[in-house]
Each structure stands twice: as structure tokens, then as C-alpha cells.
Amino acid sequence: MLNALPDIRGYEGTMQASRETYLRIAGLEKRFGDTRVYNALTLDIMRGEVVSIFGPNGCGKSTLIGILSGIIEADGGSVSYGGKTLRDTRIGYVFQNYREALFPWMSARQNIHYPLKIAGIPARERDERVERLISLFDVSFDLGRYPY
């Protein structure tokens, strides 16, 4: 068990928060080996509410963001946005540091494919979409290379 858990604080900023729950985390469970990161975390965030998550290194902040974005799979519990399951929700996620955003064991092309794969898009369609993107952005370097 970690000694410090992330501190999650809400703030109703200039945008009026409604009493309508937008993000619901219910009974979230996550472990890495013998380390329990989350044990039945439950949290409702209202539409328009601004929330910050902070804490010491290793307390589970990035793990929570990864679970909420669908990048990391929870071991239990549920996440919903506006009543839709995580699987039925499209999430835009921008990493703070691109070096931490790439899977080092995947080639550049595999990293591009990954969000489409997670979305359940068939391999043939993924290939076509990635090729269109490569063409659109005129990518000329070797996408078979690894990030590091």
C-alpha cells in the first residue's frame, strides 16, 4: 500500500458548475503486483467543476489519469462520462511530456495505431487511417523506428 494517496480537490470556477454529475468514478480498483494503488475509490465530478489532482511522486496521479482516459485498464469499478461508459466515450488526452507519452517497446507506427486499436477499430481500417495521416502530414522519417 502506498503511504501517500493523491489529493483530489474540486473548485467551482468562473463557469457555473451544475449539480449534474459528469464524471463518475465508482469503486475504482487498481493494483500493480502487490501494491494497491486504488481501493474502491468513488468520486463524482459535476459538469463545469474544475478539479486538480496532486501529490508526491508514485502516489497514483498518472495512474488515475491513465484509467480515466482509457489508457490504463482498471482492475475493478467503473468510470462513466455523462452516463456513458468509458468505452462509449471519446477522450482527448495530451501528455505533458511526449517522451513519457510513447510506448518505448512499440515502433512509431505502432504508437500511432494504438489509440485506434484501443477504440476497437479493425486492423485493416487502422492501417488505412494511419496511412492517410502519414500522407496528410507528409511524414518522411522511418516509422519502423522505436522512440528511444
C-alpha atoms as a PDB file:
ATOM      1  CA  MET A   1       0.000   0.000   0.000  1.00  0.00           C
ATOM      2  CA  LEU A   2       1.310   3.451  -0.850  1.00  0.00           C
ATOM      3  CA  ASN A   3       2.000   5.843   2.013  1.00  0.00           C
ATOM      4  CA  ALA A   4       0.558   8.866   0.216  1.00  0.00           C
ATOM      5  CA  LEU A   5      -2.522   8.979  -1.962  1.00  0.00           C
ATOM      6  CA  PRO A   6      -3.207  11.773  -4.433  1.00  0.00           C
ATOM      7  CA  ASP A   7      -5.154  14.736  -3.126  1.00  0.00           C
ATOM      8  CA  ILE A   8      -8.180  15.437  -5.326  1.00  0.00           C
ATOM      9  CA  ARG A   9      -9.752  18.850  -4.880  1.00  0.00           C
ATOM     10  CA  GLY A  10     -12.665  20.463  -6.655  1.00  0.00           C
ATOM     11  CA  TYR A  11     -13.201  24.118  -7.449  1.00  0.00           C
ATOM     12  CA  GLU A  12     -16.225  25.794  -8.950  1.00  0.00           C
ATOM     13  CA  GLY A  13     -14.510  28.367 -11.157  1.00  0.00           C
ATOM     14  CA  THR A  14     -15.989  31.099 -13.298  1.00  0.00           C
ATOM     15  CA  MET A  15     -18.043  28.532 -15.200  1.00  0.00           C
ATOM     16  CA  GLN A  16     -21.124  27.693 -13.147  1.00  0.00           C
ATOM     17  CA  ALA A  17     -20.974  24.089 -12.010  1.00  0.00           C
ATOM     18  CA  SER A  18     -24.296  22.295 -12.213  1.00  0.00           C
ATOM     19  CA  ARG A  19     -25.441  19.599  -9.850  1.00  0.00           C
ATOM     20  CA  GLU A  20     -25.385  17.197 -12.785  1.00  0.00           C
ATOM     21  CA  THR A  21     -22.702  14.550 -12.359  1.00  0.00           C
ATOM     22  CA  TYR A  22     -20.494  14.439 -15.418  1.00  0.00           C
ATOM     23  CA  LEU A  23     -17.630  12.179 -14.360  1.00  0.00           C
ATOM     24  CA  ARG A  24     -18.487   9.311 -12.050  1.00  0.00           C
ATOM     25  CA  ILE A  25     -15.806   7.048 -10.630  1.00  0.00           C
ATOM     26  CA  ALA A  26     -17.373   4.179  -8.703  1.00  0.00           C
ATOM     27  CA  GLY A  27     -15.450   1.615  -6.687  1.00  0.00           C
ATOM     28  CA  LEU A  28     -12.232   2.027  -8.698  1.00  0.00           C
ATOM     29  CA  GLU A  29      -9.646  -0.668  -8.015  1.00  0.00           C
ATOM     30  CA  LYS A  30      -6.063  -0.785  -9.296  1.00  0.00           C
ATOM     31  CA  ARG A  31      -3.056  -2.839  -8.284  1.00  0.00           C
ATOM     32  CA  PHE A  32       0.446  -3.230  -9.628  1.00  0.00           C
ATOM     33  CA  GLY A  33       1.641  -6.569  -8.309  1.00  0.00           C
ATOM     34  CA  ASP A  34       1.255  -6.473  -4.524  1.00  0.00           C
ATOM     35  CA  THR A  35       0.897  -2.695  -4.473  1.00  0.00           C
ATOM     36  CA  ARG A  36      -2.666  -1.453  -4.169  1.00  0.00           C
ATOM     37  CA  VAL A  37      -2.950   1.956  -5.784  1.00  0.00           C
ATOM     38  CA  TYR A  38      -6.731   2.407  -5.565  1.00  0.00           C
ATOM     39  CA  ASN A  39      -9.128   0.560  -3.297  1.00  0.00           C
ATOM     40  CA  ALA A  40     -12.801   1.327  -4.005  1.00  0.00           C
ATOM     41  CA  LEU A  41     -12.197   4.983  -4.998  1.00  0.00           C
ATOM     42  CA  THR A  42     -15.540   6.675  -5.556  1.00  0.00           C
ATOM     43  CA  LEU A  43     -15.849  10.246  -6.792  1.00  0.00           C
ATOM     44  CA  ASP A  44     -18.475  12.330  -8.602  1.00  0.00           C
ATOM     45  CA  ILE A  45     -17.378  15.429 -10.507  1.00  0.00           C
ATOM     46  CA  MET A  46     -20.111  17.807 -11.550  1.00  0.00           C
ATOM     47  CA  ARG A  47     -20.376  19.367 -15.007  1.00  0.00           C
ATOM     48  CA  GLY A  48     -18.387  22.615 -15.024  1.00  0.00           C
ATOM     49  CA  GLU A  49     -16.397  21.779 -11.911  1.00  0.00           C
ATOM     50  CA  VAL A  50     -12.625  22.228 -12.076  1.00  0.00           C
ATOM     51  CA  VAL A  51     -10.647  19.529 -10.272  1.00  0.00           C
ATOM     52  CA  SER A  52      -6.948  19.200  -9.512  1.00  0.00           C
ATOM     53  CA  ILE A  53      -5.051  16.066  -8.615  1.00  0.00           C
ATOM     54  CA  PHE A  54      -1.737  16.453  -6.855  1.00  0.00           C
ATOM     55  CA  GLY A  55       0.586  14.511  -4.603  1.00  0.00           C
ATOM     56  CA  PRO A  56       4.095  13.106  -4.294  1.00  0.00           C
ATOM     57  CA  ASN A  57       5.765  11.010  -6.982  1.00  0.00           C
ATOM     58  CA  GLY A  58       4.413   7.489  -7.124  1.00  0.00           C
ATOM     59  CA  CYS A  59       1.108   8.118  -5.344  1.00  0.00           C
ATOM     60  CA  GLY A  60      -1.109   7.274  -8.344  1.00  0.00           C
ATOM     61  CA  LYS A  61      -1.866  10.590 -10.082  1.00  0.00           C
ATOM     62  CA  SER A  62      -0.784   9.435 -13.541  1.00  0.00           C
ATOM     63  CA  THR A  63      -2.386   6.060 -12.962  1.00  0.00           C
ATOM     64  CA  LEU A  64      -5.720   7.745 -12.263  1.00  0.00           C
ATOM     65  CA  ILE A  65      -5.457   9.969 -15.357  1.00  0.00           C
ATOM     66  CA  GLY A  66      -4.482   6.896 -17.403  1.00  0.00           C
ATOM     67  CA  ILE A  67      -7.528   4.997 -16.153  1.00  0.00           C
ATOM     68  CA  LEU A  68      -9.859   7.956 -16.748  1.00  0.00           C
ATOM     69  CA  SER A  69      -8.576   8.293 -20.318  1.00  0.00           C
ATOM     70  CA  GLY A  70      -8.766   4.565 -21.068  1.00  0.00           C
ATOM     71  CA  ILE A  71      -5.015   4.130 -21.499  1.00  0.00           C
ATOM     72  CA  ILE A  72      -4.678   2.019 -18.344  1.00  0.00           C
ATOM     73  CA  GLU A  73      -7.223  -0.653 -17.504  1.00  0.00           C
ATOM     74  CA  ALA A  74      -8.717  -0.623 -14.019  1.00  0.00           C
ATOM     75  CA  ASP A  75      -8.854  -3.868 -12.070  1.00  0.00           C
ATOM     76  CA  GLY A  76     -12.350  -3.101 -10.845  1.00  0.00           C
ATOM     77  CA  GLY A  77     -15.014  -0.470 -10.545  1.00  0.00           C
ATOM     78  CA  SER A  78     -16.340   1.783 -13.267  1.00  0.00           C
ATOM     79  CA  VAL A  79     -15.818   5.160 -14.917  1.00  0.00           C
ATOM     80  CA  SER A  80     -18.571   6.998 -16.760  1.00  0.00           C
ATOM     81  CA  TYR A  81     -18.869  10.338 -18.504  1.00  0.00           C
ATOM     82  CA  GLY A  82     -22.317  11.875 -18.686  1.00  0.00           C
ATOM     83  CA  GLY A  83     -23.828   8.443 -18.066  1.00  0.00           C
ATOM     84  CA  LYS A  84     -21.802   6.779 -20.868  1.00  0.00           C
ATOM     85  CA  THR A  85     -19.272   4.069 -20.174  1.00  0.00           C
ATOM     86  CA  LEU A  86     -15.616   4.813 -20.756  1.00  0.00           C
ATOM     87  CA  ARG A  87     -15.729   2.552 -23.818  1.00  0.00           C
ATOM     88  CA  ASP A  88     -18.586   4.631 -25.306  1.00  0.00           C
ATOM     89  CA  THR A  89     -16.803   7.936 -24.646  1.00  0.00           C
ATOM     90  CA  ARG A  90     -14.196   9.654 -26.797  1.00  0.00           C
ATOM     91  CA  ILE A  91     -11.417  11.164 -24.712  1.00  0.00           C
ATOM     92  CA  GLY A  92      -8.864  13.691 -25.912  1.00  0.00           C
ATOM     93  CA  TYR A  93      -5.648  13.374 -23.956  1.00  0.00           C
ATOM     94  CA  VAL A  94      -2.462  15.417 -24.357  1.00  0.00           C
ATOM     95  CA  PHE A  95       0.587  14.229 -22.463  1.00  0.00           C
ATOM     96  CA  GLN A  96       2.690  16.809 -20.700  1.00  0.00           C
ATOM     97  CA  ASN A  97       5.948  15.217 -21.849  1.00  0.00           C
ATOM     98  CA  TYR A  98       5.924  13.457 -25.204  1.00  0.00           C
ATOM     99  CA  ARG A  99       8.796  11.210 -24.153  1.00  0.00           C
ATOM    100  CA  GLU A 100       6.532   9.748 -21.492  1.00  0.00           C
ATOM    101  CA  ALA A 101       3.663   9.546 -23.979  1.00  0.00           C
ATOM    102  CA  LEU A 102       5.210   6.974 -26.289  1.00  0.00           C
ATOM    103  CA  PHE A 103       5.448   3.275 -25.596  1.00  0.00           C
ATOM    104  CA  PRO A 104       9.189   2.569 -25.969  1.00  0.00           C
ATOM    105  CA  TRP A 105       8.566  -1.087 -26.886  1.00  0.00           C
ATOM    106  CA  MET A 106       6.419  -0.030 -29.867  1.00  0.00           C
ATOM    107  CA  SER A 107       7.630   1.449 -33.128  1.00  0.00           C
ATOM    108  CA  ALA A 108       6.474   4.938 -34.113  1.00  0.00           C
ATOM    109  CA  ARG A 109       3.858   3.356 -36.410  1.00  0.00           C
ATOM    110  CA  GLN A 110       2.593   1.083 -33.612  1.00  0.00           C
ATOM    111  CA  ASN A 111       2.319   4.102 -31.292  1.00  0.00           C
ATOM    112  CA  ILE A 112       0.154   5.839 -33.917  1.00  0.00           C
ATOM    113  CA  HIS A 113      -2.020   2.716 -34.268  1.00  0.00           C
ATOM    114  CA  TYR A 114      -2.505   2.218 -30.530  1.00  0.00           C
ATOM    115  CA  PRO A 115      -5.408   4.633 -29.818  1.00  0.00           C
ATOM    116  CA  LEU A 116      -7.274   3.223 -32.833  1.00  0.00           C
ATOM    117  CA  LYS A 117      -6.669  -0.311 -31.596  1.00  0.00           C
ATOM    118  CA  ILE A 118      -7.971   0.569 -28.123  1.00  0.00           C
ATOM    119  CA  ALA A 119     -11.049   2.092 -29.794  1.00  0.00           C
ATOM    120  CA  GLY A 120     -11.731  -1.327 -31.329  1.00  0.00           C
ATOM    121  CA  ILE A 121     -11.121  -0.278 -34.932  1.00  0.00           C
ATOM    122  CA  PRO A 122     -10.301  -3.297 -37.133  1.00  0.00           C
ATOM    123  CA  ALA A 123      -6.674  -3.687 -38.258  1.00  0.00           C
ATOM    124  CA  ARG A 124      -7.393  -3.023 -41.939  1.00  0.00           C
ATOM    125  CA  GLU A 125      -9.211   0.255 -41.172  1.00  0.00           C
ATOM    126  CA  ARG A 126      -6.441   1.263 -38.732  1.00  0.00           C
ATOM    127  CA  ASP A 127      -3.862   0.710 -41.471  1.00  0.00           C
ATOM    128  CA  GLU A 128      -5.853   2.837 -43.916  1.00  0.00           C
ATOM    129  CA  ARG A 129      -6.375   5.660 -41.426  1.00  0.00           C
ATOM    130  CA  VAL A 130      -2.733   5.708 -40.354  1.00  0.00           C
ATOM    131  CA  GLU A 131      -1.580   5.761 -43.977  1.00  0.00           C
ATOM    132  CA  ARG A 132      -3.902   8.733 -44.667  1.00  0.00           C
ATOM    133  CA  LEU A 133      -2.443  10.576 -41.680  1.00  0.00           C
ATOM    134  CA  ILE A 134       1.119   9.844 -42.755  1.00  0.00           C
ATOM    135  CA  SER A 135       0.330  11.142 -46.218  1.00  0.00           C
ATOM    136  CA  LEU A 136      -1.570  14.179 -44.921  1.00  0.00           C
ATOM    137  CA  PHE A 137       1.303  15.223 -42.650  1.00  0.00           C
ATOM    138  CA  ASP A 138       3.957  14.267 -45.225  1.00  0.00           C
ATOM    139  CA  VAL A 139       5.869  12.094 -42.744  1.00  0.00           C
ATOM    140  CA  SER A 140       9.196  11.232 -44.301  1.00  0.00           C
ATOM    141  CA  PHE A 141      11.093   9.516 -41.483  1.00  0.00           C
ATOM    142  CA  ASP A 142      11.171   5.771 -40.786  1.00  0.00           C
ATOM    143  CA  LEU A 143       8.071   4.916 -38.734  1.00  0.00           C
ATOM    144  CA  GLY A 144       9.522   1.465 -38.061  1.00  0.00           C
ATOM    145  CA  ARG A 145      11.983   3.037 -35.634  1.00  0.00           C
ATOM    146  CA  TYR A 146      11.478   2.997 -31.880  1.00  0.00           C
ATOM    147  CA  PRO A 147      11.188   6.221 -29.864  1.00  0.00           C
ATOM    148  CA  TYR A 148      14.362   5.752 -27.842  1.00  0.00           C
END
